[in-house]
PDB file of N, CA and C in Angstrom:
ATOM      1  N   GLU A   1      94.205  46.070 130.577  1.00  0.00           N
ATOM      2  CA  GLU A   1      95.045  45.362 131.514  1.00  0.00           C
ATOM      3  C   GLU A   1      95.899  44.315 130.792  1.00  0.00           C
ATOM      4  N   ALA A   2      95.297  43.628 129.811  1.00  0.00           N
ATOM      5  CA  ALA A   2      96.039  42.594 129.082  1.00  0.00           C
ATOM      6  C   ALA A   2      97.234  43.186 128.345  1.00  0.00           C
ATOM      7  N   ILE A   3      97.103  44.405 127.869  1.00  0.00           N
ATOM      8  CA  ILE A   3      98.201  45.040 127.140  1.00  0.00           C
ATOM      9  C   ILE A   3      99.397  45.246 128.069  1.00  0.00           C
ATOM     10  N   ASP A   4      99.126  45.548 129.342  1.00  0.00           N
ATOM     11  CA  ASP A   4     100.207  45.714 130.300  1.00  0.00           C
ATOM     12  C   ASP A   4     100.998  44.418 130.501  1.00  0.00           C
ATOM     13  N   TYR A   5     100.362  43.271 130.232  1.00  0.00           N
ATOM     14  CA  TYR A   5     101.030  41.986 130.362  1.00  0.00           C
ATOM     15  C   TYR A   5     101.670  41.522 129.060  1.00  0.00           C
ATOM     16  N   GLY A   6     101.620  42.338 128.017  1.00  0.00           N
ATOM     17  CA  GLY A   6     102.279  42.006 126.770  1.00  0.00           C
ATOM     18  C   GLY A   6     101.382  41.439 125.687  1.00  0.00           C
ATOM     19  N   VAL A   7     100.071  41.408 125.896  1.00  0.00           N
ATOM     20  CA  VAL A   7      99.158  40.918 124.859  1.00  0.00           C
ATOM     21  C   VAL A   7      99.056  41.994 123.784  1.00  0.00           C
ATOM     22  N   ILE A   8      99.345  41.619 122.547  1.00  0.00           N
ATOM     23  CA  ILE A   8      99.355  42.629 121.490  1.00  0.00           C
ATOM     24  C   ILE A   8      98.457  42.263 120.317  1.00  0.00           C
ATOM     25  N   LYS A   9      97.644  41.234 120.455  1.00  0.00           N
ATOM     26  CA  LYS A   9      96.759  40.834 119.365  1.00  0.00           C
ATOM     27  C   LYS A   9      95.367  41.387 119.615  1.00  0.00           C
ATOM     28  N   MET A  10      94.798  41.941 118.578  1.00  0.00           N
ATOM     29  CA  MET A  10      93.433  42.452 118.663  1.00  0.00           C
ATOM     30  C   MET A  10      92.743  42.135 117.339  1.00  0.00           C
ATOM     31  N   ASN A  11      91.618  41.481 117.385  1.00  0.00           N
ATOM     32  CA  ASN A  11      90.860  41.181 116.185  1.00  0.00           C
ATOM     33  C   ASN A  11      89.947  42.368 115.898  1.00  0.00           C
ATOM     34  N   ILE A  12      90.294  43.129 114.879  1.00  0.00           N
ATOM     35  CA  ILE A  12      89.536  44.348 114.601  1.00  0.00           C
ATOM     36  C   ILE A  12      88.731  44.246 113.311  1.00  0.00           C
ATOM     37  N   ASP A  13      88.646  43.052 112.729  1.00  0.00           N
ATOM     38  CA  ASP A  13      87.939  42.885 111.471  1.00  0.00           C
ATOM     39  C   ASP A  13      86.489  43.358 111.574  1.00  0.00           C
ATOM     40  N   THR A  14      85.772  42.891 112.579  1.00  0.00           N
ATOM     41  CA  THR A  14      84.373  43.273 112.742  1.00  0.00           C
ATOM     42  C   THR A  14      84.251  44.775 112.988  1.00  0.00           C
ATOM     43  N   ASP A  15      85.147  45.317 113.803  1.00  0.00           N
ATOM     44  CA  ASP A  15      85.101  46.750 114.093  1.00  0.00           C
ATOM     45  C   ASP A  15      85.322  47.590 112.838  1.00  0.00           C
ATOM     46  N   THR A  16      86.281  47.189 112.009  1.00  0.00           N
ATOM     47  CA  THR A  16      86.537  47.976 110.802  1.00  0.00           C
ATOM     48  C   THR A  16      85.414  47.820 109.782  1.00  0.00           C
ATOM     49  N   GLN A  17      84.816  46.629 109.716  1.00  0.00           N
ATOM     50  CA  GLN A  17      83.659  46.463 108.828  1.00  0.00           C
ATOM     51  C   GLN A  17      82.521  47.362 109.289  1.00  0.00           C
ATOM     52  N   TRP A  18      82.270  47.396 110.587  1.00  0.00           N
ATOM     53  CA  TRP A  18      81.179  48.229 111.110  1.00  0.00           C
ATOM     54  C   TRP A  18      81.496  49.707 110.896  1.00  0.00           C
ATOM     55  N   SER A  19      82.716  50.111 111.130  1.00  0.00           N
ATOM     56  CA  SER A  19      83.051  51.524 110.972  1.00  0.00           C
ATOM     57  C   SER A  19      82.899  51.958 109.517  1.00  0.00           C
ATOM     58  N   TYR A  20      83.230  51.073 108.583  1.00  0.00           N
ATOM     59  CA  TYR A  20      83.061  51.388 107.163  1.00  0.00           C
ATOM     60  C   TYR A  20      81.578  51.576 106.845  1.00  0.00           C
ATOM     61  N   TRP A  21      80.766  50.619 107.290  1.00  0.00           N
ATOM     62  CA  TRP A  21      79.323  50.709 107.073  1.00  0.00           C
ATOM     63  C   TRP A  21      78.760  51.936 107.777  1.00  0.00           C
ATOM     64  N   ASN A  22      79.208  52.213 108.986  1.00  0.00           N
ATOM     65  CA  ASN A  22      78.682  53.333 109.748  1.00  0.00           C
ATOM     66  C   ASN A  22      78.961  54.664 109.045  1.00  0.00           C
ATOM     67  N   GLY A  23      80.113  54.774 108.400  1.00  0.00           N
ATOM     68  CA  GLY A  23      80.424  55.985 107.645  1.00  0.00           C
ATOM     69  C   GLY A  23      79.430  56.207 106.513  1.00  0.00           C
ATOM     70  N   ILE A  24      79.061  55.136 105.803  1.00  0.00           N
ATOM     71  CA  ILE A  24      78.077  55.238 104.725  1.00  0.00           C
ATOM     72  C   ILE A  24      76.702  55.565 105.303  1.00  0.00           C
ATOM     73  N   LYS A  25      76.353  54.914 106.397  1.00  0.00           N
ATOM     74  CA  LYS A  25      75.050  55.133 107.039  1.00  0.00           C
ATOM     75  C   LYS A  25      74.913  56.586 107.505  1.00  0.00           C
ATOM     76  N   GLU A  26      75.963  57.122 108.113  1.00  0.00           N
ATOM     77  CA  GLU A  26      75.927  58.508 108.572  1.00  0.00           C
ATOM     78  C   GLU A  26      75.858  59.491 107.398  1.00  0.00           C
ATOM     79  N   PHE A  27      76.558  59.169 106.306  1.00  0.00           N
ATOM     80  CA  PHE A  27      76.495  60.017 105.116  1.00  0.00           C
ATOM     81  C   PHE A  27      75.064  60.065 104.586  1.00  0.00           C
ATOM     82  N   GLU A  28      74.418  58.888 104.510  1.00  0.00           N
ATOM     83  CA  GLU A  28      73.036  58.843 104.019  1.00  0.00           C
ATOM     84  C   GLU A  28      72.103  59.620 104.938  1.00  0.00           C
ATOM     85  N   ALA A  29      72.280  59.491 106.237  1.00  0.00           N
ATOM     86  CA  ALA A  29      71.421  60.208 107.178  1.00  0.00           C
ATOM     87  C   ALA A  29      71.621  61.724 107.055  1.00  0.00           C
ATOM     88  N   LYS A  30      72.867  62.149 106.906  1.00  0.00           N
ATOM     89  CA  LYS A  30      73.166  63.573 106.815  1.00  0.00           C
ATOM     90  C   LYS A  30      72.629  64.196 105.523  1.00  0.00           C
ATOM     91  N   TYR A  31      72.722  63.468 104.423  1.00  0.00           N
ATOM     92  CA  TYR A  31      72.339  64.016 103.118  1.00  0.00           C
ATOM     93  C   TYR A  31      71.101  63.340 102.538  1.00  0.00           C
ATOM     94  N   HIS A  32      70.267  62.763 103.380  1.00  0.00           N
ATOM     95  CA  HIS A  32      69.091  62.020 102.926  1.00  0.00           C
ATOM     96  C   HIS A  32      68.249  62.824 101.923  1.00  0.00           C
ATOM     97  N   ASP A  33      67.967  64.062 102.231  1.00  0.00           N
ATOM     98  CA  ASP A  33      67.120  64.874 101.346  1.00  0.00           C
ATOM     99  C   ASP A  33      67.786  65.201 100.016  1.00  0.00           C
ATOM    100  N   TYR A  34      69.091  65.077  99.954  1.00  0.00           N
ATOM    101  CA  TYR A  34      69.811  65.337  98.709  1.00  0.00           C
ATOM    102  C   TYR A  34      69.945  64.084  97.857  1.00  0.00           C
ATOM    103  N   LEU A  35      69.629  62.931  98.423  1.00  0.00           N
ATOM    104  CA  LEU A  35      69.826  61.653  97.733  1.00  0.00           C
ATOM    105  C   LEU A  35      68.521  61.073  97.177  1.00  0.00           C
ATOM    106  N   GLN A  36      67.502  61.887  97.029  1.00  0.00           N
ATOM    107  CA  GLN A  36      66.199  61.394  96.578  1.00  0.00           C
ATOM    108  C   GLN A  36      66.003  61.515  95.072  1.00  0.00           C
ATOM    109  N   GLY A  37      66.908  62.194  94.410  1.00  0.00           N
ATOM    110  CA  GLY A  37      66.823  62.332  92.954  1.00  0.00           C
ATOM    111  C   GLY A  37      68.000  63.133  92.434  1.00  0.00           C
ATOM    112  N   GLN A  38      68.106  63.182  91.103  1.00  0.00           N
ATOM    113  CA  GLN A  38      69.220  63.918  90.509  1.00  0.00           C
ATOM    114  C   GLN A  38      69.057  65.423  90.679  1.00  0.00           C
ATOM    115  N   MET A  39      67.826  65.893  90.718  1.00  0.00           N
ATOM    116  CA  MET A  39      67.544  67.326  90.861  1.00  0.00           C
ATOM    117  C   MET A  39      66.585  67.524  92.022  1.00  0.00           C
ATOM    118  N   GLY A  40      66.716  68.651  92.686  1.00  0.00           N
ATOM    119  CA  GLY A  40      65.798  69.019  93.746  1.00  0.00           C
ATOM    120  C   GLY A  40      66.282  68.594  95.112  1.00  0.00           C
ATOM    121  N   ASN A  41      66.426  69.592  95.982  1.00  0.00           N
ATOM    122  CA  ASN A  41      66.855  69.330  97.351  1.00  0.00           C
ATOM    123  C   ASN A  41      66.381  70.482  98.231  1.00  0.00           C
ATOM    124  N   PRO A  42      66.710  70.504  99.514  1.00  0.00           N
ATOM    125  CA  PRO A  42      66.239  71.586 100.382  1.00  0.00           C
ATOM    126  C   PRO A  42      66.675  72.983  99.941  1.00  0.00           C
ATOM    127  N   GLU A  43      67.690  73.075  99.115  1.00  0.00           N
ATOM    128  CA  GLU A  43      68.158  74.378  98.630  1.00  0.00           C
ATOM    129  C   GLU A  43      67.350  74.887  97.438  1.00  0.00           C
ATOM    130  N   GLY A  44      66.562  74.008  96.811  1.00  0.00           N
ATOM    131  CA  GLY A  44      65.741  74.423  95.671  1.00  0.00           C
ATOM    132  C   GLY A  44      65.381  73.242  94.792  1.00  0.00           C
ATOM    133  N   LYS A  45      64.220  73.334  94.129  1.00  0.00           N
ATOM    134  CA  LYS A  45      63.744  72.202  93.327  1.00  0.00           C
ATOM    135  C   LYS A  45      64.548  71.999  92.045  1.00  0.00           C
ATOM    136  N   ASP A  46      65.296  73.027  91.614  1.00  0.00           N
ATOM    137  CA  ASP A  46      66.100  72.884  90.400  1.00  0.00           C
ATOM    138  C   ASP A  46      67.598  72.749  90.695  1.00  0.00           C
ATOM    139  N   LYS A  47      67.948  72.506  91.955  1.00  0.00           N
ATOM    140  CA  LYS A  47      69.353  72.363  92.332  1.00  0.00           C
ATOM    141  C   LYS A  47      69.817  70.927  92.086  1.00  0.00           C
ATOM    142  N   PRO A  48      70.987  70.742  91.465  1.00  0.00           N
ATOM    143  CA  PRO A  48      71.494  69.390  91.203  1.00  0.00           C
ATOM    144  C   PRO A  48      72.079  68.748  92.465  1.00  0.00           C
ATOM    145  N   ASN A  49      72.052  67.431  92.490  1.00  0.00           N
ATOM    146  CA  ASN A  49      72.543  66.669  93.643  1.00  0.00           C
ATOM    147  C   ASN A  49      73.752  65.802  93.318  1.00  0.00           C
ATOM    148  N   LYS A  50      74.371  66.036  92.173  1.00  0.00           N
ATOM    149  CA  LYS A  50      75.428  65.147  91.714  1.00  0.00           C
ATOM    150  C   LYS A  50      76.536  64.948  92.737  1.00  0.00           C
ATOM    151  N   LYS A  51      76.957  66.010  93.413  1.00  0.00           N
ATOM    152  CA  LYS A  51      78.066  65.867  94.364  1.00  0.00           C
ATOM    153  C   LYS A  51      77.672  65.050  95.591  1.00  0.00           C
ATOM    154  N   PHE A  52      76.372  64.852  95.814  1.00  0.00           N
ATOM    155  CA  PHE A  52      75.922  64.070  96.953  1.00  0.00           C
ATOM    156  C   PHE A  52      75.764  62.593  96.611  1.00  0.00           C
ATOM    157  N   TYR A  53      75.294  62.279  95.416  1.00  0.00           N
ATOM    158  CA  TYR A  53      75.114  60.861  95.075  1.00  0.00           C
ATOM    159  C   TYR A  53      76.313  60.262  94.343  1.00  0.00           C
ATOM    160  N   ASP A  54      77.369  61.034  94.182  1.00  0.00           N
ATOM    161  CA  ASP A  54      78.619  60.500  93.647  1.00  0.00           C
ATOM    162  C   ASP A  54      79.143  59.470  94.652  1.00  0.00           C
ATOM    163  N   PRO A  55      79.328  58.214  94.246  1.00  0.00           N
ATOM    164  CA  PRO A  55      79.745  57.178  95.201  1.00  0.00           C
ATOM    165  C   PRO A  55      81.063  57.487  95.903  1.00  0.00           C
ATOM    166  N   ARG A  56      81.908  58.281  95.282  1.00  0.00           N
ATOM    167  CA  ARG A  56      83.184  58.614  95.925  1.00  0.00           C
ATOM    168  C   ARG A  56      82.974  59.385  97.222  1.00  0.00           C
ATOM    169  N   ALA A  57      81.914  60.195  97.280  1.00  0.00           N
ATOM    170  CA  ALA A  57      81.635  60.954  98.504  1.00  0.00           C
ATOM    171  C   ALA A  57      81.236  60.013  99.636  1.00  0.00           C
ATOM    172  N   MET A  58      80.388  59.036  99.345  1.00  0.00           N
ATOM    173  CA  MET A  58      79.978  58.070 100.366  1.00  0.00           C
ATOM    174  C   MET A  58      81.162  57.221 100.812  1.00  0.00           C
ATOM    175  N   LEU A  59      81.973  56.787  99.854  1.00  0.00           N
ATOM    176  CA  LEU A  59      83.122  55.950 100.184  1.00  0.00           C
ATOM    177  C   LEU A  59      84.157  56.729 100.990  1.00  0.00           C
ATOM    178  N   ARG A  60      84.295  58.005 100.687  1.00  0.00           N
ATOM    179  CA  ARG A  60      85.228  58.836 101.468  1.00  0.00           C
ATOM    180  C   ARG A  60      84.760  58.908 102.916  1.00  0.00           C
ATOM    181  N   SER A  61      83.471  59.060 103.123  1.00  0.00           N
ATOM    182  CA  SER A  61      82.924  59.082 104.476  1.00  0.00           C
ATOM    183  C   SER A  61      83.199  57.761 105.193  1.00  0.00           C
ATOM    184  N   ALA A  62      83.067  56.652 104.484  1.00  0.00           N
ATOM    185  CA  ALA A  62      83.350  55.336 105.057  1.00  0.00           C
ATOM    186  C   ALA A  62      84.827  55.218 105.424  1.00  0.00           C
ATOM    187  N   GLU A  63      85.705  55.713 104.568  1.00  0.00           N
ATOM    188  CA  GLU A  63      87.135  55.638 104.833  1.00  0.00           C
ATOM    189  C   GLU A  63      87.524  56.485 106.040  1.00  0.00           C
ATOM    190  N   VAL A  64      86.946  57.672 106.142  1.00  0.00           N
ATOM    191  CA  VAL A  64      87.239  58.543 107.283  1.00  0.00           C
ATOM    192  C   VAL A  64      86.795  57.876 108.582  1.00  0.00           C
ATOM    193  N   SER A  65      85.622  57.265 108.567  1.00  0.00           N
ATOM    194  CA  SER A  65      85.111  56.561 109.738  1.00  0.00           C
ATOM    195  C   SER A  65      86.036  55.409 110.131  1.00  0.00           C
ATOM    196  N   THR A  66      86.551  54.693 109.159  1.00  0.00           N
ATOM    197  CA  THR A  66      87.457  53.581 109.430  1.00  0.00           C
ATOM    198  C   THR A  66      88.786  54.079 109.988  1.00  0.00           C
ATOM    199  N   VAL A  67      89.300  55.175 109.477  1.00  0.00           N
ATOM    200  CA  VAL A  67      90.547  55.739 109.985  1.00  0.00           C
ATOM    201  C   VAL A  67      90.396  56.131 111.454  1.00  0.00           C
ATOM    202  N   VAL A  68      89.257  56.706 111.799  1.00  0.00           N
ATOM    203  CA  VAL A  68      89.007  57.071 113.195  1.00  0.00           C
ATOM    204  C   VAL A  68      89.024  55.823 114.077  1.00  0.00           C
ATOM    205  N   ARG A  69      88.383  54.738 113.617  1.00  0.00           N
ATOM    206  CA  ARG A  69      88.358  53.506 114.402  1.00  0.00           C
ATOM    207  C   ARG A  69      89.753  52.894 114.527  1.00  0.00           C
ATOM    208  N   LEU A  70      90.529  52.909 113.439  1.00  0.00           N
ATOM    209  CA  LEU A  70      91.888  52.377 113.498  1.00  0.00           C
ATOM    210  C   LEU A  70      92.769  53.195 114.434  1.00  0.00           C
ATOM    211  N   GLN A  71      92.588  54.496 114.437  1.00  0.00           N
ATOM    212  CA  GLN A  71      93.353  55.340 115.354  1.00  0.00           C
ATOM    213  C   GLN A  71      93.057  54.943 116.792  1.00  0.00           C
ATOM    214  N   LYS A  72      91.789  54.653 117.094  1.00  0.00           N
ATOM    215  CA  LYS A  72      91.409  54.198 118.431  1.00  0.00           C
ATOM    216  C   LYS A  72      92.101  52.872 118.759  1.00  0.00           C
ATOM    217  N   CYS A  73      92.154  51.960 117.798  1.00  0.00           N
ATOM    218  CA  CYS A  73      92.860  50.684 118.007  1.00  0.00           C
ATOM    219  C   CYS A  73      94.330  50.913 118.306  1.00  0.00           C
ATOM    220  N   PHE A  74      94.971  51.792 117.546  1.00  0.00           N
ATOM    221  CA  PHE A  74      96.388  52.077 117.762  1.00  0.00           C
ATOM    222  C   PHE A  74      96.613  52.641 119.161  1.00  0.00           C
ATOM    223  N   GLU A  75      95.710  53.517 119.594  1.00  0.00           N
ATOM    224  CA  GLU A  75      95.841  54.089 120.932  1.00  0.00           C
ATOM    225  C   GLU A  75      95.649  53.006 121.995  1.00  0.00           C
ATOM    226  N   ASP A  76      94.635  52.138 121.801  1.00  0.00           N
ATOM    227  CA  ASP A  76      94.382  51.062 122.769  1.00  0.00           C
ATOM    228  C   ASP A  76      95.568  50.116 122.893  1.00  0.00           C
ATOM    229  N   LEU A  77      96.279  49.891 121.795  1.00  0.00           N
ATOM    230  CA  LEU A  77      97.422  48.976 121.791  1.00  0.00           C
ATOM    231  C   LEU A  77      98.746  49.673 122.105  1.00  0.00           C
ATOM    232  N   ASN A  78      98.670  50.944 122.455  1.00  0.00           N
ATOM    233  CA  ASN A  78      99.877  51.726 122.778  1.00  0.00           C
ATOM    234  C   ASN A  78     100.889  51.702 121.650  1.00  0.00           C
ATOM    235  N   CYS A  79     100.435  51.825 120.424  1.00  0.00           N
ATOM    236  CA  CYS A  79     101.370  51.794 119.297  1.00  0.00           C
ATOM    237  C   CYS A  79     101.240  53.038 118.417  1.00  0.00           C
ATOM    238  N   VAL A  80     100.997  54.184 119.044  1.00  0.00           N
ATOM    239  CA  VAL A  80     100.974  55.437 118.307  1.00  0.00           C
ATOM    240  C   VAL A  80     102.400  55.977 118.272  1.00  0.00           C
ATOM    241  N   GLN A  81     102.869  56.295 117.091  1.00  0.00           N
ATOM    242  CA  GLN A  81     104.215  56.819 116.841  1.00  0.00           C
ATOM    243  C   GLN A  81     105.318  55.836 117.258  1.00  0.00           C
ATOM    244  N   VAL A  82     105.070  54.544 117.032  1.00  0.00           N
ATOM    245  CA  VAL A  82     106.091  53.510 117.198  1.00  0.00           C
ATOM    246  C   VAL A  82     106.026  52.589 116.000  1.00  0.00           C
ATOM    247  N   CYS A  83     107.065  51.837 115.762  1.00  0.00           N
ATOM    248  CA  CYS A  83     107.100  50.854 114.664  1.00  0.00           C
ATOM    249  C   CYS A  83     106.804  51.489 113.310  1.00  0.00           C
ATOM    250  N   GLY A  84     107.264  52.693 113.099  1.00  0.00           N
ATOM    251  CA  GLY A  84     107.057  53.328 111.807  1.00  0.00           C
ATOM    252  C   GLY A  84     105.709  53.983 111.633  1.00  0.00           C
ATOM    253  N   LEU A  85     104.894  54.035 112.673  1.00  0.00           N
ATOM    254  CA  LEU A  85     103.570  54.633 112.535  1.00  0.00           C
ATOM    255  C   LEU A  85     103.575  56.134 112.759  1.00  0.00           C
ATOM    256  N   GLY A  86     104.649  56.669 113.280  1.00  0.00           N
ATOM    257  CA  GLY A  86     104.731  58.102 113.521  1.00  0.00           C
ATOM    258  C   GLY A  86     105.470  58.798 112.394  1.00  0.00           C
ATOM    259  N   PRO A  87     105.768  60.067 112.578  1.00  0.00           N
ATOM    260  CA  PRO A  87     106.529  60.783 111.546  1.00  0.00           C
ATOM    261  C   PRO A  87     107.950  60.234 111.471  1.00  0.00           C
ATOM    262  N   PRO A  88     108.509  60.182 110.277  1.00  0.00           N
ATOM    263  CA  PRO A  88     109.860  59.626 110.139  1.00  0.00           C
ATOM    264  C   PRO A  88     110.900  60.536 110.794  1.00  0.00           C
ATOM    265  N   GLY A  89     111.862  59.906 111.411  1.00  0.00           N
ATOM    266  CA  GLY A  89     112.954  60.670 112.010  1.00  0.00           C
ATOM    267  C   GLY A  89     114.060  60.901 110.997  1.00  0.00           C
ATOM    268  N   LYS A  90     114.987  61.773 111.358  1.00  0.00           N
ATOM    269  CA  LYS A  90     116.121  62.052 110.473  1.00  0.00           C
ATOM    270  C   LYS A  90     117.115  60.899 110.574  1.00  0.00           C
ATOM    271  N   PRO A  91     117.571  60.339 109.443  1.00  0.00           N
ATOM    272  CA  PRO A  91     118.544  59.240 109.496  1.00  0.00           C
ATOM    273  C   PRO A  91     119.837  59.697 110.154  1.00  0.00           C
ATOM    274  N   GLU A  92     120.390  58.832 110.993  1.00  0.00           N
ATOM    275  CA  GLU A  92     121.621  59.185 111.701  1.00  0.00           C
ATOM    276  C   GLU A  92     122.839  58.421 111.197  1.00  0.00           C
ATOM    277  N   ASN A  93     122.637  57.310 110.502  1.00  0.00           N
ATOM    278  CA  ASN A  93     123.777  56.485 110.100  1.00  0.00           C
ATOM    279  C   ASN A  93     124.050  56.576 108.603  1.00  0.00           C
ATOM    280  N   VAL A  94     123.842  57.720 108.016  1.00  0.00           N
ATOM    281  CA  VAL A  94     124.031  57.898 106.584  1.00  0.00           C
ATOM    282  C   VAL A  94     125.407  58.495 106.339  1.00  0.00           C
ATOM    283  N   LEU A  95     126.214  57.815 105.516  1.00  0.00           N
ATOM    284  CA  LEU A  95     127.558  58.284 105.217  1.00  0.00           C
ATOM    285  C   LEU A  95     127.619  59.149 103.965  1.00  0.00           C
ATOM    286  N   GLY A  96     126.547  59.195 103.225  1.00  0.00           N
ATOM    287  CA  GLY A  96     126.554  59.955 101.995  1.00  0.00           C
ATOM    288  C   GLY A  96     126.597  59.031 100.800  1.00  0.00           C
ATOM    289  N   PRO A  97     126.677  59.573  99.575  1.00  0.00           N
ATOM    290  CA  PRO A  97     126.678  58.731  98.385  1.00  0.00           C
ATOM    291  C   PRO A  97     127.936  57.865  98.316  1.00  0.00           C
ATOM    292  N   ARG A  98     127.734  56.659  97.857  1.00  0.00           N
ATOM    293  CA  ARG A  98     128.868  55.726  97.708  1.00  0.00           C
ATOM    294  C   ARG A  98     129.243  55.645  96.235  1.00  0.00           C
ATOM    295  N   ARG A  99     130.530  55.592  95.960  1.00  0.00           N
ATOM    296  CA  ARG A  99     130.992  55.541  94.570  1.00  0.00           C
ATOM    297  C   ARG A  99     131.174  54.095  94.143  1.00  0.00           C
ATOM    298  N   GLY A 100     130.667  53.780  92.956  1.00  0.00           N
ATOM    299  CA  GLY A 100     130.877  52.470  92.385  1.00  0.00           C
ATOM    300  C   GLY A 100     130.049  51.375  93.010  1.00  0.00           C
ATOM    301  N   ALA A 101     129.051  51.700  93.769  1.00  0.00           N
ATOM    302  CA  ALA A 101     128.192  50.678  94.401  1.00  0.00           C
ATOM    303  C   ALA A 101     126.742  51.116  94.311  1.00  0.00           C
ATOM    304  N   LEU A 102     125.889  50.215  94.679  1.00  0.00           N
ATOM    305  CA  LEU A 102     124.472  50.559  94.711  1.00  0.00           C
ATOM    306  C   LEU A 102     124.214  51.587  95.792  1.00  0.00           C
ATOM    307  N   PRO A 103     123.214  52.414  95.613  1.00  0.00           N
ATOM    308  CA  PRO A 103     122.894  53.390  96.642  1.00  0.00           C
ATOM    309  C   PRO A 103     122.567  52.714  97.968  1.00  0.00           C
ATOM    310  N   ALA A 104     122.939  53.323  99.053  1.00  0.00           N
ATOM    311  CA  ALA A 104     122.686  52.767 100.389  1.00  0.00           C
ATOM    312  C   ALA A 104     121.221  52.869 100.743  1.00  0.00           C
TER     313      ALA A 104
END
């Protein structure tokens, strides 16, 4: 309702911190059995787990979770595909290359 009256401020710091943590927490829950050692998992005792305990995988999960939360914020604030957040449009006021001056 406040957005309909022009309120456009939203403090999302706590939400984004939680979404980042939640992504890591969900990754650990999903791959818990793969994160118990370098070797051995439900697929076999001699199977390596490197791709699961690589920190980039956990951080990617955190980033994806944060993107989902930010998308929800953008939708709540009615700012999807406005203010440069959508796909770029084709320029309409371009005259072409200029001679003897800096590029437009």
